Amino acid sequence: MRRFVGIALVVVLAGLGSVPTSAGQSRGAASALPVIVFETSKGSFEVEMYPNEAPKSVEHILTLVRRNFYNGLRVHRFEPGFVVQFGDPQSRDVSKKADWGGGGSGREIGAAEISPKRPHKLGAMALAYVGRLGPATADSQVYLCVNSDPGRYSYMNGKYAVIGQVVSGMAVVQQLRELDVIKRASVKGPAPAPAAKK
C-alpha cells in the first residue's frame, strides 16, 4: 500500500511540475534533451542542448561540464544588446585579463555543426571561435544572445553553430557582465522516457 501511495504521489507531483512560462516553455518539466544548469554570481540559468543538430559539439561541451571545466570561470566578454561570452580558462586569473578570450580546453571540436533549424535569437547558446580559423576550431568558449531582435544576429547564421537555448533564467543571463563568475555548471537530463502504460 505504501508503495502505491508513493507512486501515486510521484505521478501527481510530476504533473504539477510543468508550469508554462511566457516563452511557451514548460518550466520544471523533464526534458528529453540534456540541460546544463549554470550557477553564477548573479543567479542560475538553464540551457537545453541540441544533440540532434550538433552531436559532436554538444558532447564536447557536456564532457567539459562533467569535468567541472566551467566552474570558476568568469564572463570575459559582454557586448550590450548583443552577447555575453565565457569559456576561457584564463579567466580564472584576473592578472591575465589581457589574454582573456584566447584560451580553451586545448581540444577543438573539429566539426562545424551549423544547422538552419537553429538560428541565433534571444537566449541562443552558440560556439565562439577565432573568425579566421573557422567554426571547426571551436572549443570551450560559448556565447549567449541577449537581444530579442533576431535581425541583430542574421549575419551570424550559417557561420556559428547554435548548440542550445536558454529555457530558464533568461533574466539572469541579461544581468551577466564581464568579471561575473560561473560558480558551477552541471548536467541534468536527458530525462528517461516515460514508462509505457499497461
C-alpha atoms as a PDB file:
ATOM      1  CA  MET A   1       0.000   0.000   0.000  1.00  0.00           C
ATOM      2  CA  ARG A   2       2.814   2.437   0.869  1.00  0.00           C
ATOM      3  CA  ARG A   3       4.469   1.733  -2.460  1.00  0.00           C
ATOM      4  CA  PHE A   4       1.215   2.503  -4.316  1.00  0.00           C
ATOM      5  CA  VAL A   5       0.727   5.768  -2.390  1.00  0.00           C
ATOM      6  CA  GLY A   6       4.359   6.749  -3.071  1.00  0.00           C
ATOM      7  CA  ILE A   7       3.981   6.084  -6.788  1.00  0.00           C
ATOM      8  CA  ALA A   8       0.680   7.986  -6.905  1.00  0.00           C
ATOM      9  CA  LEU A   9       2.292  10.952  -5.137  1.00  0.00           C
ATOM     10  CA  VAL A  10       5.178  10.989  -7.609  1.00  0.00           C
ATOM     11  CA  VAL A  11       2.731  10.932 -10.543  1.00  0.00           C
ATOM     12  CA  VAL A  12       0.698  13.814  -9.071  1.00  0.00           C
ATOM     13  CA  LEU A  13       3.809  15.894  -8.327  1.00  0.00           C
ATOM     14  CA  ALA A  14       5.228  15.217 -11.783  1.00  0.00           C
ATOM     15  CA  GLY A  15       2.021  16.570 -13.299  1.00  0.00           C
ATOM     16  CA  LEU A  16       2.306  19.756 -11.228  1.00  0.00           C
ATOM     17  CA  GLY A  17       5.924  20.331 -12.285  1.00  0.00           C
ATOM     18  CA  SER A  18       5.039  21.539 -15.758  1.00  0.00           C
ATOM     19  CA  VAL A  19       4.171  25.214 -15.493  1.00  0.00           C
ATOM     20  CA  PRO A  20       4.098  27.100 -18.796  1.00  0.00           C
ATOM     21  CA  THR A  21       6.247  30.220 -18.993  1.00  0.00           C
ATOM     22  CA  SER A  22       5.698  33.278 -21.147  1.00  0.00           C
ATOM     23  CA  ALA A  23       8.105  31.873 -23.733  1.00  0.00           C
ATOM     24  CA  GLY A  24       5.914  28.816 -24.239  1.00  0.00           C
ATOM     25  CA  GLN A  25       8.430  26.575 -22.494  1.00  0.00           C
ATOM     26  CA  SER A  26       7.454  24.280 -19.655  1.00  0.00           C
ATOM     27  CA  ARG A  27       9.394  25.310 -16.582  1.00  0.00           C
ATOM     28  CA  GLY A  28      10.202  22.338 -14.381  1.00  0.00           C
ATOM     29  CA  ALA A  29       9.092  19.784 -16.966  1.00  0.00           C
ATOM     30  CA  ALA A  30      11.509  16.979 -17.695  1.00  0.00           C
ATOM     31  CA  SER A  31      13.303  17.477 -20.990  1.00  0.00           C
ATOM     32  CA  ALA A  32      14.114  14.729 -23.442  1.00  0.00           C
ATOM     33  CA  LEU A  33      17.270  16.711 -24.235  1.00  0.00           C
ATOM     34  CA  PRO A  34      20.262  17.340 -21.964  1.00  0.00           C
ATOM     35  CA  VAL A  35      20.110  20.540 -19.949  1.00  0.00           C
ATOM     36  CA  ILE A  36      23.087  22.377 -18.474  1.00  0.00           C
ATOM     37  CA  VAL A  37      22.496  24.310 -15.265  1.00  0.00           C
ATOM     38  CA  PHE A  38      24.840  27.274 -14.827  1.00  0.00           C
ATOM     39  CA  GLU A  39      25.068  28.743 -11.329  1.00  0.00           C
ATOM     40  CA  THR A  40      26.551  32.227 -11.495  1.00  0.00           C
ATOM     41  CA  SER A  41      27.289  35.117  -9.173  1.00  0.00           C
ATOM     42  CA  LYS A  42      24.002  36.679 -10.426  1.00  0.00           C
ATOM     43  CA  GLY A  43      21.807  33.562 -10.148  1.00  0.00           C
ATOM     44  CA  SER A  44      21.171  30.409 -12.181  1.00  0.00           C
ATOM     45  CA  PHE A  45      20.071  29.718 -15.725  1.00  0.00           C
ATOM     46  CA  GLU A  46      19.457  26.537 -17.716  1.00  0.00           C
ATOM     47  CA  VAL A  47      20.318  25.738 -21.315  1.00  0.00           C
ATOM     48  CA  GLU A  48      18.653  22.912 -23.229  1.00  0.00           C
ATOM     49  CA  MET A  49      21.170  21.446 -25.670  1.00  0.00           C
ATOM     50  CA  TYR A  50      20.659  20.349 -29.302  1.00  0.00           C
ATOM     51  CA  PRO A  51      22.440  16.986 -29.708  1.00  0.00           C
ATOM     52  CA  ASN A  52      20.434  16.072 -32.824  1.00  0.00           C
ATOM     53  CA  GLU A  53      21.741  19.032 -34.811  1.00  0.00           C
ATOM     54  CA  ALA A  54      25.193  19.308 -33.202  1.00  0.00           C
ATOM     55  CA  PRO A  55      26.149  15.910 -31.712  1.00  0.00           C
ATOM     56  CA  LYS A  56      29.931  16.387 -31.523  1.00  0.00           C
ATOM     57  CA  SER A  57      29.672  19.946 -30.263  1.00  0.00           C
ATOM     58  CA  VAL A  58      27.108  19.141 -27.590  1.00  0.00           C
ATOM     59  CA  GLU A  59      29.026  16.069 -26.411  1.00  0.00           C
ATOM     60  CA  HIS A  60      32.216  18.136 -26.203  1.00  0.00           C
ATOM     61  CA  ILE A  61      30.554  20.816 -24.050  1.00  0.00           C
ATOM     62  CA  LEU A  62      28.767  18.229 -21.861  1.00  0.00           C
ATOM     63  CA  THR A  63      32.090  16.442 -21.288  1.00  0.00           C
ATOM     64  CA  LEU A  64      33.687  19.722 -20.212  1.00  0.00           C
ATOM     65  CA  VAL A  65      30.786  20.412 -17.838  1.00  0.00           C
ATOM     66  CA  ARG A  66      31.069  16.933 -16.312  1.00  0.00           C
ATOM     67  CA  ARG A  67      34.805  17.563 -15.778  1.00  0.00           C
ATOM     68  CA  ASN A  68      33.987  20.830 -13.933  1.00  0.00           C
ATOM     69  CA  PHE A  69      35.798  22.820 -16.622  1.00  0.00           C
ATOM     70  CA  TYR A  70      33.446  25.816 -16.406  1.00  0.00           C
ATOM     71  CA  ASN A  71      33.448  26.028 -12.603  1.00  0.00           C
ATOM     72  CA  GLY A  72      35.145  29.244 -11.505  1.00  0.00           C
ATOM     73  CA  LEU A  73      35.422  30.793 -14.972  1.00  0.00           C
ATOM     74  CA  ARG A  74      34.431  34.413 -15.486  1.00  0.00           C
ATOM     75  CA  VAL A  75      32.417  36.101 -18.168  1.00  0.00           C
ATOM     76  CA  HIS A  76      35.170  37.562 -20.323  1.00  0.00           C
ATOM     77  CA  ARG A  77      33.061  39.372 -22.902  1.00  0.00           C
ATOM     78  CA  PHE A  78      29.897  41.419 -22.643  1.00  0.00           C
ATOM     79  CA  GLU A  79      28.560  43.361 -25.604  1.00  0.00           C
ATOM     80  CA  PRO A  80      25.409  45.327 -24.641  1.00  0.00           C
ATOM     81  CA  GLY A  81      22.398  44.299 -26.696  1.00  0.00           C
ATOM     82  CA  PHE A  82      24.394  41.527 -28.339  1.00  0.00           C
ATOM     83  CA  VAL A  83      26.145  38.708 -26.409  1.00  0.00           C
ATOM     84  CA  VAL A  84      27.674  37.542 -23.150  1.00  0.00           C
ATOM     85  CA  GLN A  85      30.593  35.100 -23.540  1.00  0.00           C
ATOM     86  CA  PHE A  86      32.553  32.713 -21.310  1.00  0.00           C
ATOM     87  CA  GLY A  87      34.595  29.520 -21.512  1.00  0.00           C
ATOM     88  CA  ASP A  88      38.212  30.723 -21.403  1.00  0.00           C
ATOM     89  CA  PRO A  89      40.111  29.012 -18.544  1.00  0.00           C
ATOM     90  CA  GLN A  90      42.477  32.006 -18.364  1.00  0.00           C
ATOM     91  CA  SER A  91      39.562  33.994 -16.918  1.00  0.00           C
ATOM     92  CA  ARG A  92      40.121  32.310 -13.547  1.00  0.00           C
ATOM     93  CA  ASP A  93      43.160  34.577 -13.165  1.00  0.00           C
ATOM     94  CA  VAL A  94      42.338  38.300 -13.176  1.00  0.00           C
ATOM     95  CA  SER A  95      46.027  39.125 -13.699  1.00  0.00           C
ATOM     96  CA  LYS A  96      45.726  37.517 -17.176  1.00  0.00           C
ATOM     97  CA  LYS A  97      42.749  39.662 -18.193  1.00  0.00           C
ATOM     98  CA  ALA A  98      44.601  40.996 -21.250  1.00  0.00           C
ATOM     99  CA  ASP A  99      44.658  37.417 -22.624  1.00  0.00           C
ATOM    100  CA  TRP A 100      41.048  36.534 -21.882  1.00  0.00           C
ATOM    101  CA  GLY A 101      39.173  35.277 -24.918  1.00  0.00           C
ATOM    102  CA  GLY A 102      42.153  33.437 -26.378  1.00  0.00           C
ATOM    103  CA  GLY A 103      42.068  30.217 -24.374  1.00  0.00           C
ATOM    104  CA  GLY A 104      40.170  26.963 -24.414  1.00  0.00           C
ATOM    105  CA  SER A 105      40.291  23.391 -23.185  1.00  0.00           C
ATOM    106  CA  GLY A 106      43.009  22.575 -25.703  1.00  0.00           C
ATOM    107  CA  ARG A 107      40.826  20.272 -27.771  1.00  0.00           C
ATOM    108  CA  GLU A 108      38.995  21.647 -30.781  1.00  0.00           C
ATOM    109  CA  ILE A 109      35.650  20.097 -31.696  1.00  0.00           C
ATOM    110  CA  GLY A 110      36.766  19.500 -35.285  1.00  0.00           C
ATOM    111  CA  ALA A 111      33.309  19.856 -36.835  1.00  0.00           C
ATOM    112  CA  ALA A 112      31.228  22.808 -37.972  1.00  0.00           C
ATOM    113  CA  GLU A 113      27.727  21.674 -36.947  1.00  0.00           C
ATOM    114  CA  ILE A 114      25.775  24.651 -38.185  1.00  0.00           C
ATOM    115  CA  SER A 115      22.073  23.971 -38.713  1.00  0.00           C
ATOM    116  CA  PRO A 116      19.488  26.222 -40.380  1.00  0.00           C
ATOM    117  CA  LYS A 117      16.990  24.744 -37.876  1.00  0.00           C
ATOM    118  CA  ARG A 118      18.785  26.569 -35.051  1.00  0.00           C
ATOM    119  CA  PRO A 119      19.166  30.294 -35.814  1.00  0.00           C
ATOM    120  CA  HIS A 120      20.574  32.924 -33.484  1.00  0.00           C
ATOM    121  CA  LYS A 121      17.851  34.509 -31.365  1.00  0.00           C
ATOM    122  CA  LEU A 122      17.290  35.661 -27.792  1.00  0.00           C
ATOM    123  CA  GLY A 123      18.707  33.013 -25.436  1.00  0.00           C
ATOM    124  CA  ALA A 124      20.539  31.004 -28.099  1.00  0.00           C
ATOM    125  CA  MET A 125      23.846  29.448 -26.978  1.00  0.00           C
ATOM    126  CA  ALA A 126      26.470  29.176 -29.696  1.00  0.00           C
ATOM    127  CA  LEU A 127      30.128  28.252 -30.042  1.00  0.00           C
ATOM    128  CA  ALA A 128      32.681  31.035 -30.334  1.00  0.00           C
ATOM    129  CA  TYR A 129      35.845  30.710 -32.405  1.00  0.00           C
ATOM    130  CA  VAL A 130      38.531  32.921 -33.880  1.00  0.00           C
ATOM    131  CA  GLY A 131      36.966  34.142 -37.135  1.00  0.00           C
ATOM    132  CA  ARG A 132      39.856  33.498 -39.483  1.00  0.00           C
ATOM    133  CA  LEU A 133      40.267  29.910 -38.239  1.00  0.00           C
ATOM    134  CA  GLY A 134      36.710  28.728 -38.914  1.00  0.00           C
ATOM    135  CA  PRO A 135      33.891  27.087 -36.932  1.00  0.00           C
ATOM    136  CA  ALA A 136      35.510  23.626 -36.773  1.00  0.00           C
ATOM    137  CA  THR A 137      38.161  25.136 -34.463  1.00  0.00           C
ATOM    138  CA  ALA A 138      35.603  25.989 -31.755  1.00  0.00           C
ATOM    139  CA  ASP A 139      36.387  24.562 -28.316  1.00  0.00           C
ATOM    140  CA  SER A 140      35.093  25.610 -24.893  1.00  0.00           C
ATOM    141  CA  GLN A 141      34.019  29.209 -25.436  1.00  0.00           C
ATOM    142  CA  VAL A 142      30.303  29.830 -25.773  1.00  0.00           C
ATOM    143  CA  TYR A 143      28.175  32.925 -26.065  1.00  0.00           C
ATOM    144  CA  LEU A 144      24.553  33.658 -25.253  1.00  0.00           C
ATOM    145  CA  CYS A 145      22.419  36.001 -27.353  1.00  0.00           C
ATOM    146  CA  VAL A 146      20.826  38.767 -25.262  1.00  0.00           C
ATOM    147  CA  ASN A 147      18.891  40.724 -27.895  1.00  0.00           C
ATOM    148  CA  SER A 148      15.257  39.955 -28.721  1.00  0.00           C
ATOM    149  CA  ASP A 149      15.669  41.235 -32.305  1.00  0.00           C
ATOM    150  CA  PRO A 150      16.719  38.215 -34.428  1.00  0.00           C
ATOM    151  CA  GLY A 151      17.825  40.645 -37.144  1.00  0.00           C
ATOM    152  CA  ARG A 152      20.700  41.634 -34.856  1.00  0.00           C
ATOM    153  CA  TYR A 153      22.167  38.164 -35.446  1.00  0.00           C
ATOM    154  CA  SER A 154      21.236  37.487 -39.083  1.00  0.00           C
ATOM    155  CA  TYR A 155      24.818  37.774 -40.343  1.00  0.00           C
ATOM    156  CA  MET A 156      25.916  35.115 -37.816  1.00  0.00           C
ATOM    157  CA  ASN A 157      23.517  32.428 -39.032  1.00  0.00           C
ATOM    158  CA  GLY A 158      25.431  29.962 -41.163  1.00  0.00           C
ATOM    159  CA  LYS A 159      28.747  30.968 -39.581  1.00  0.00           C
ATOM    160  CA  TYR A 160      28.412  29.908 -35.924  1.00  0.00           C
ATOM    161  CA  ALA A 161      26.875  26.726 -34.501  1.00  0.00           C
ATOM    162  CA  VAL A 162      23.900  27.278 -32.203  1.00  0.00           C
ATOM    163  CA  ILE A 163      24.055  24.338 -29.793  1.00  0.00           C
ATOM    164  CA  GLY A 164      21.405  25.183 -27.199  1.00  0.00           C
ATOM    165  CA  GLN A 165      18.709  27.519 -25.919  1.00  0.00           C
ATOM    166  CA  VAL A 166      18.165  29.152 -22.531  1.00  0.00           C
ATOM    167  CA  VAL A 167      14.950  27.632 -21.147  1.00  0.00           C
ATOM    168  CA  SER A 168      15.070  29.098 -17.653  1.00  0.00           C
ATOM    169  CA  GLY A 169      16.745  32.130 -16.082  1.00  0.00           C
ATOM    170  CA  MET A 170      16.996  34.457 -19.080  1.00  0.00           C
ATOM    171  CA  ALA A 171      16.705  37.410 -16.679  1.00  0.00           C
ATOM    172  CA  VAL A 172      19.931  36.196 -15.043  1.00  0.00           C
ATOM    173  CA  VAL A 173      21.668  35.957 -18.426  1.00  0.00           C
ATOM    174  CA  GLN A 174      20.561  39.536 -19.176  1.00  0.00           C
ATOM    175  CA  GLN A 175      22.328  40.694 -15.978  1.00  0.00           C
ATOM    176  CA  LEU A 176      25.677  38.984 -16.610  1.00  0.00           C
ATOM    177  CA  ARG A 177      28.632  41.266 -17.183  1.00  0.00           C
ATOM    178  CA  GLU A 178      32.388  40.922 -17.620  1.00  0.00           C
ATOM    179  CA  LEU A 179      34.044  39.513 -14.444  1.00  0.00           C
ATOM    180  CA  ASP A 180      30.871  37.720 -13.243  1.00  0.00           C
ATOM    181  CA  VAL A 181      31.706  34.185 -12.141  1.00  0.00           C
ATOM    182  CA  ILE A 182      30.315  30.883 -13.382  1.00  0.00           C
ATOM    183  CA  LYS A 183      30.340  29.224  -9.964  1.00  0.00           C
ATOM    184  CA  ARG A 184      29.232  25.808 -11.123  1.00  0.00           C
ATOM    185  CA  ALA A 185      27.920  24.064 -14.213  1.00  0.00           C
ATOM    186  CA  SER A 186      26.169  20.701 -14.108  1.00  0.00           C
ATOM    187  CA  VAL A 187      24.213  18.464 -16.451  1.00  0.00           C
ATOM    188  CA  LYS A 188      20.661  17.388 -15.775  1.00  0.00           C
ATOM    189  CA  GLY A 189      18.836  15.107 -18.161  1.00  0.00           C
ATOM    190  CA  PRO A 190      18.055  13.876 -20.583  1.00  0.00           C
ATOM    191  CA  ALA A 191      15.093  12.557 -18.717  1.00  0.00           C
ATOM    192  CA  PRO A 192      14.320   8.854 -19.165  1.00  0.00           C
ATOM    193  CA  ALA A 193      11.441   8.068 -21.497  1.00  0.00           C
ATOM    194  CA  PRO A 194       8.106   7.636 -19.707  1.00  0.00           C
ATOM    195  CA  ALA A 195       7.119   4.062 -18.943  1.00  0.00           C
ATOM    196  CA  ALA A 196       4.550   2.525 -21.269  1.00  0.00           C
ATOM    197  CA  LYS A 197       1.048   2.110 -19.833  1.00  0.00           C
ATOM    198  CA  LYS A 198      -0.077  -1.425 -19.126  1.00  0.00           C
END
